[in-house]
Amino acid sequence: MDIVTRIKARLMYLRPSEQKVGRYILSDLSIASQASISELAEKSEVSVACITRFAKELDCKDVRDLKMKLAQSAAVGARFTSEDLVEQKDRPPIYQAIHDILALNEGLISDAIVQAASQLVVRTNHVIIFGVGGGSTVMAEECHYRLFRLGIKSNAYSDPMLMRMTAASVDKGDVVICLSLSGVSPDVNDAASIAKEYGAHVISICPNNKLAEIANVHLPIKTNEAEYIFNPSASRYVMMAAIDMLVSDLAITNQRRSREKLRRIKIHLDEHRDDDLRSPLGD
């Protein structure tokens, strides 16, 4: 349990003097994490001994351990701990946030990088896609859905153990596409390293970070976490755009086969929907 949750859960069961310490800490984690024990006592209007007791009541080894946990929580940012309610007028425009993050990334991925990744995929017999977490899991599935329509055999995995097992079972020349909005996901990084060890080519879509260093070909993206925490991250649109760039190039590079696969899919979808309109392919 993180220290903020622990304080809130136990606050009403503490002594009145210790409750004063807890309320002061919750009012400003950043200042509390940097204050000395005497400063904490002075601001809370309690004794120094009370600060020590407070730390023990929260199962901390000592005050130093308490302050370290407070610093970790403070690093997350006050926007996650503030009690201020957000009003309707405070919501940032959704479309504008998507536009801004796409504009930030425009031109970041060069045609040469896309073509290098595309050539690896065209030459392989099997593409494996890794992505964990809310956004990357969905994007891994989206990448798989896009590839099979072009006649490219692929599988997407998001379970960490299955990723490791699949990575260990690759054949030389297989292609592994790794997706990460942070570039520092331990599970994805480990799976990428294992697959590379056994001769797979690794393509990463992520920021310049550890995963980018592992990859044979890196499609770079930039993220920009907003101060407003209640909207889904717009950064996932950047990952989708990078996937679109790769898949679009694949469709052109392998267009004779792609066209036939898309034709078959379109025929049977229209038959199923009784639709002679230009509805989105595959939806």
Protein backbone atom coordinates (compact mmCIF):
# COMPACT_ATOMS: atom_id res chain seq x y z
CA MET A 1 0.00 0.00 0.00
CA ASP A 2 1.39 3.42 -0.91
CA ILE A 3 1.98 5.91 1.91
CA VAL A 4 -0.84 8.32 0.94
CA THR A 5 -3.44 5.55 0.98
CA ARG A 6 -2.00 4.26 4.25
CA ILE A 7 -2.29 7.69 5.91
CA LYS A 8 -5.86 8.17 4.71
CA ALA A 9 -6.89 4.68 5.82
CA ARG A 10 -5.44 5.01 9.33
CA LEU A 11 -5.94 8.71 10.02
CA MET A 12 -9.12 8.42 12.07
CA TYR A 13 -7.58 5.70 14.27
CA LEU A 14 -4.51 7.72 15.26
CA ARG A 15 -4.06 9.90 18.33
CA PRO A 16 -5.26 13.50 17.89
CA SER A 17 -1.69 14.79 17.74
CA GLU A 18 -0.75 12.21 15.10
CA GLN A 19 -3.86 13.10 13.11
CA LYS A 20 -2.54 16.67 12.95
CA VAL A 21 0.69 15.34 11.42
CA GLY A 22 -1.21 13.26 8.90
CA ARG A 23 -3.43 16.15 7.82
CA TYR A 24 -0.44 18.45 7.41
CA ILE A 25 1.39 15.89 5.29
CA LEU A 26 -1.65 15.30 3.07
CA SER A 27 -2.04 19.04 2.54
CA ASP A 28 1.33 19.23 0.77
CA LEU A 29 3.32 16.05 0.16
CA SER A 30 6.15 17.84 -1.59
CA ILE A 31 6.95 20.19 1.29
CA ALA A 32 6.42 17.47 3.91
CA SER A 33 8.82 15.11 2.13
CA GLN A 34 11.59 17.72 2.20
CA ALA A 35 11.04 19.04 5.73
CA SER A 36 13.26 18.01 8.61
CA ILE A 37 11.74 16.21 11.60
CA SER A 38 11.80 19.44 13.62
CA GLU A 39 10.15 21.37 10.76
CA LEU A 40 7.45 18.72 10.47
CA ALA A 41 6.83 18.97 14.20
CA GLU A 42 6.68 22.77 14.10
CA LYS A 43 4.32 22.91 11.10
CA SER A 44 2.06 20.24 12.60
CA GLU A 45 2.20 21.89 16.03
CA VAL A 46 3.29 18.69 17.76
CA SER A 47 6.42 17.36 19.43
CA VAL A 48 9.36 15.75 17.63
CA ALA A 49 8.55 12.52 19.46
CA CYS A 50 5.08 12.61 17.90
CA ILE A 51 6.61 12.58 14.41
CA THR A 52 8.56 9.45 15.31
CA ARG A 53 5.44 7.77 16.67
CA PHE A 54 3.52 8.74 13.56
CA ALA A 55 6.12 7.05 11.35
CA LYS A 56 5.93 3.87 13.42
CA GLU A 57 2.12 3.87 13.26
CA LEU A 58 2.40 3.79 9.48
CA ASP A 59 4.77 0.78 9.61
CA CYS A 60 7.77 2.87 8.53
CA LYS A 61 11.18 1.94 9.94
CA ASP A 62 11.81 5.50 11.03
CA VAL A 63 11.15 9.11 9.99
CA ARG A 64 13.72 8.85 7.22
CA ASP A 65 11.81 5.88 5.74
CA LEU A 66 8.58 7.90 6.03
CA LYS A 67 10.09 10.84 4.17
CA MET A 68 11.41 8.59 1.41
CA LYS A 69 7.92 7.16 0.87
CA LEU A 70 6.46 10.66 0.90
CA ALA A 71 8.99 11.76 -1.72
CA GLN A 72 8.00 8.83 -3.94
CA SER A 73 4.35 9.80 -3.71
CA ALA A 74 5.12 13.50 -4.20
CA ALA A 75 7.01 12.67 -7.41
CA VAL A 76 3.76 11.45 -8.96
CA GLY A 77 2.49 15.02 -8.84
CA ALA A 78 0.01 17.08 -6.85
CA ARG A 79 -2.59 16.75 -9.58
CA PHE A 80 -3.18 13.17 -8.41
CA THR A 81 -3.60 14.06 -4.72
CA SER A 82 -5.42 17.38 -4.89
CA GLU A 83 -8.90 17.43 -3.37
CA ASP A 84 -10.00 20.24 -5.70
CA LEU A 85 -12.90 19.21 -7.91
CA VAL A 86 -12.63 19.73 -11.66
CA GLU A 87 -15.40 21.71 -13.29
CA GLN A 88 -16.86 21.07 -16.73
CA LYS A 89 -15.22 24.23 -18.08
CA ASP A 90 -11.78 23.01 -16.96
CA ARG A 91 -11.78 20.05 -19.35
CA PRO A 92 -9.25 20.45 -22.17
CA PRO A 93 -10.59 19.90 -25.71
CA ILE A 94 -10.15 16.25 -26.74
CA TYR A 95 -9.59 16.91 -30.44
CA GLN A 96 -7.06 19.62 -29.67
CA ALA A 97 -5.03 17.29 -27.43
CA ILE A 98 -4.91 14.67 -30.19
CA HIS A 99 -3.96 17.32 -32.76
CA ASP A 100 -1.19 18.66 -30.52
CA ILE A 101 0.45 15.29 -29.85
CA LEU A 102 0.33 14.35 -33.54
CA ALA A 103 1.85 17.72 -34.46
CA LEU A 104 4.65 17.12 -31.93
CA ASN A 105 5.49 13.84 -33.69
CA GLU A 106 5.06 14.97 -37.28
CA GLY A 107 8.20 14.20 -39.28
CA LEU A 108 9.84 12.28 -36.44
CA ILE A 109 9.73 8.94 -38.30
CA SER A 110 11.56 9.11 -41.61
CA ASP A 111 10.56 7.24 -44.77
CA ALA A 112 13.88 5.40 -44.65
CA ILE A 113 13.14 4.02 -41.18
CA VAL A 114 9.65 2.92 -42.20
CA GLN A 115 11.00 1.21 -45.31
CA ALA A 116 13.72 -0.57 -43.33
CA ALA A 117 11.10 -1.96 -40.96
CA SER A 118 8.81 -2.83 -43.85
CA GLN A 119 11.51 -4.82 -45.61
CA LEU A 120 12.12 -6.91 -42.49
CA VAL A 121 8.42 -7.76 -42.27
CA VAL A 122 8.08 -8.56 -46.00
CA ARG A 123 10.97 -11.03 -45.84
CA THR A 124 9.82 -12.92 -42.74
CA ASN A 125 7.41 -15.81 -42.33
CA HIS A 126 6.05 -14.74 -38.97
CA VAL A 127 5.51 -11.47 -37.11
CA ILE A 128 5.10 -11.42 -33.34
CA ILE A 129 3.77 -8.30 -31.62
CA PHE A 130 4.41 -7.47 -27.95
CA GLY A 131 2.71 -4.76 -25.91
CA VAL A 132 1.58 -4.55 -22.28
CA GLY A 133 -0.54 -2.05 -20.40
CA GLY A 134 -3.77 -0.36 -21.38
CA GLY A 135 -2.69 1.47 -24.52
CA SER A 136 0.00 -0.86 -25.85
CA THR A 137 -2.13 -3.99 -25.38
CA VAL A 138 -4.86 -2.50 -27.56
CA MET A 139 -2.33 -1.28 -30.12
CA ALA A 140 -0.70 -4.74 -30.29
CA GLU A 141 -4.08 -6.21 -31.20
CA GLU A 142 -4.67 -3.40 -33.70
CA CYS A 143 -1.31 -4.10 -35.33
CA HIS A 144 -2.22 -7.79 -35.65
CA TYR A 145 -5.61 -6.92 -37.16
CA ARG A 146 -3.94 -4.71 -39.73
CA LEU A 147 -1.27 -7.23 -40.71
CA PHE A 148 -3.45 -10.29 -41.29
CA ARG A 149 -5.58 -8.30 -43.75
CA LEU A 150 -2.45 -7.96 -45.89
CA GLY A 151 -1.71 -11.67 -45.79
CA ILE A 152 1.04 -11.33 -43.18
CA LYS A 153 0.99 -14.03 -40.51
CA SER A 154 1.12 -12.44 -37.09
CA ASN A 155 0.24 -12.97 -33.44
CA ALA A 156 -0.09 -10.41 -30.64
CA TYR A 157 0.80 -11.09 -27.00
CA SER A 158 0.35 -9.00 -23.87
CA ASP A 159 0.72 -11.54 -21.07
CA PRO A 160 4.29 -11.18 -19.70
CA MET A 161 4.90 -14.93 -19.32
CA LEU A 162 3.52 -15.74 -22.77
CA MET A 163 5.72 -13.01 -24.19
CA ARG A 164 8.83 -14.58 -22.67
CA MET A 165 7.82 -18.07 -23.81
CA THR A 166 7.04 -16.88 -27.33
CA ALA A 167 10.27 -14.89 -27.50
CA ALA A 168 12.22 -18.01 -26.54
CA SER A 169 10.54 -20.03 -29.29
CA VAL A 170 11.20 -17.71 -32.27
CA ASP A 171 12.94 -18.91 -35.39
CA LYS A 172 15.86 -17.06 -36.87
CA GLY A 173 14.53 -14.35 -39.16
CA ASP A 174 11.21 -13.91 -37.36
CA VAL A 175 10.20 -10.30 -36.74
CA VAL A 176 9.13 -9.03 -33.34
CA ILE A 177 7.33 -5.68 -33.18
CA CYS A 178 7.52 -4.19 -29.68
CA LEU A 179 5.20 -1.40 -28.62
CA SER A 180 5.71 0.82 -25.58
CA LEU A 181 4.62 4.38 -24.86
CA SER A 182 7.39 4.64 -22.26
CA GLY A 183 10.13 2.49 -23.79
CA VAL A 184 11.00 1.22 -20.31
CA SER A 185 8.54 -1.65 -19.81
CA PRO A 186 10.65 -4.45 -18.24
CA ASP A 187 8.43 -7.21 -19.65
CA VAL A 188 8.59 -5.92 -23.22
CA ASN A 189 12.31 -5.18 -22.99
CA ASP A 190 13.09 -8.65 -21.65
CA ALA A 191 11.00 -10.35 -24.35
CA ALA A 192 12.67 -8.26 -27.05
CA SER A 193 16.14 -9.18 -25.78
CA ILE A 194 15.28 -12.88 -25.61
CA ALA A 195 13.87 -12.89 -29.16
CA LYS A 196 16.92 -11.03 -30.47
CA GLU A 197 19.21 -13.56 -28.77
CA TYR A 198 17.61 -16.32 -30.88
CA GLY A 199 17.95 -14.48 -34.17
CA ALA A 200 14.72 -12.50 -34.48
CA HIS A 201 14.71 -8.97 -35.88
CA VAL A 202 13.24 -6.48 -33.43
CA ILE A 203 11.24 -3.43 -34.53
CA SER A 204 10.32 -1.01 -31.76
CA ILE A 205 7.73 1.75 -31.69
CA CYS A 206 8.60 3.76 -28.59
CA PRO A 207 10.43 6.87 -27.33
CA ASN A 208 14.23 7.02 -27.32
CA ASN A 209 14.87 4.72 -24.39
CA LYS A 210 16.05 1.23 -23.46
CA LEU A 211 13.72 -0.57 -25.88
CA ALA A 212 14.96 1.64 -28.72
CA GLU A 213 18.53 0.51 -27.97
CA ILE A 214 17.54 -3.17 -28.13
CA ALA A 215 15.74 -2.87 -31.48
CA ASN A 216 17.25 -3.43 -34.92
CA VAL A 217 14.91 -0.78 -36.30
CA HIS A 218 13.37 1.92 -34.15
CA LEU A 219 10.31 3.98 -35.10
CA PRO A 220 10.58 6.88 -32.63
CA ILE A 221 7.63 8.57 -30.94
CA LYS A 222 7.34 11.35 -28.39
CA THR A 223 4.82 11.48 -25.56
CA ASN A 224 3.65 14.49 -23.60
CA GLU A 225 1.80 13.72 -20.38
CA ALA A 226 -0.78 16.41 -19.70
CA GLU A 227 -1.42 18.03 -16.34
CA TYR A 228 -5.11 17.15 -16.68
CA ILE A 229 -5.36 13.55 -15.49
CA PHE A 230 -8.95 12.59 -16.29
CA ASN A 231 -8.67 12.26 -20.07
CA PRO A 232 -7.13 9.12 -21.61
CA SER A 233 -3.60 9.73 -22.85
CA ALA A 234 -3.57 11.21 -26.35
CA SER A 235 -0.17 9.58 -26.89
CA ARG A 236 -1.80 6.34 -27.98
CA TYR A 237 -2.80 8.11 -31.21
CA VAL A 238 0.89 8.61 -31.94
CA MET A 239 1.52 4.88 -31.63
CA MET A 240 -1.44 4.16 -33.89
CA ALA A 241 -0.09 6.63 -36.45
CA ALA A 242 3.31 4.89 -36.38
CA ILE A 243 1.60 1.53 -36.92
CA ASP A 244 -0.38 3.05 -39.80
CA MET A 245 2.84 4.30 -41.40
CA LEU A 246 4.42 0.86 -41.22
CA VAL A 247 1.36 -1.04 -42.41
CA SER A 248 0.68 1.41 -45.25
CA ASP A 249 4.20 0.91 -46.53
CA LEU A 250 3.79 -2.85 -46.22
CA ALA A 251 0.58 -2.74 -48.23
CA ILE A 252 2.32 -0.88 -51.08
CA THR A 253 5.49 -2.98 -50.94
CA ASN A 254 3.47 -6.20 -51.07
CA GLN A 255 0.53 -4.77 -52.99
CA ARG A 256 -0.22 -7.66 -55.35
CA ARG A 257 -0.81 -10.00 -52.44
CA SER A 258 -2.35 -7.26 -50.27
CA ARG A 259 -4.90 -6.30 -52.89
CA GLU A 260 -6.16 -9.86 -53.26
CA LYS A 261 -6.47 -10.38 -49.50
CA LEU A 262 -8.32 -7.09 -49.09
CA ARG A 263 -10.61 -7.95 -52.01
CA ARG A 264 -11.64 -11.23 -50.40
CA ILE A 265 -12.27 -9.58 -47.04
CA LYS A 266 -14.33 -6.81 -48.64
CA ILE A 267 -16.53 -9.26 -50.57
CA HIS A 268 -17.46 -11.30 -47.51
CA LEU A 269 -17.94 -8.31 -45.24
CA ASP A 270 -20.30 -6.66 -47.72
CA GLU A 271 -22.17 -9.93 -48.10
CA HIS A 272 -22.51 -10.22 -44.33
CA ARG A 273 -23.65 -6.62 -43.91
CA ASP A 274 -25.71 -6.49 -47.10
CA ASP A 275 -23.80 -3.30 -47.77
CA ASP A 276 -22.90 -1.80 -51.14
CA LEU A 277 -21.55 1.40 -49.56
CA ARG A 278 -17.93 2.23 -48.86
CA SER A 279 -18.04 1.20 -45.20
CA PRO A 280 -14.70 0.98 -43.33
CA LEU A 281 -12.89 -2.21 -44.28
CA GLY A 282 -12.91 -4.69 -41.44
CA ASP A 283 -15.27 -2.84 -39.09
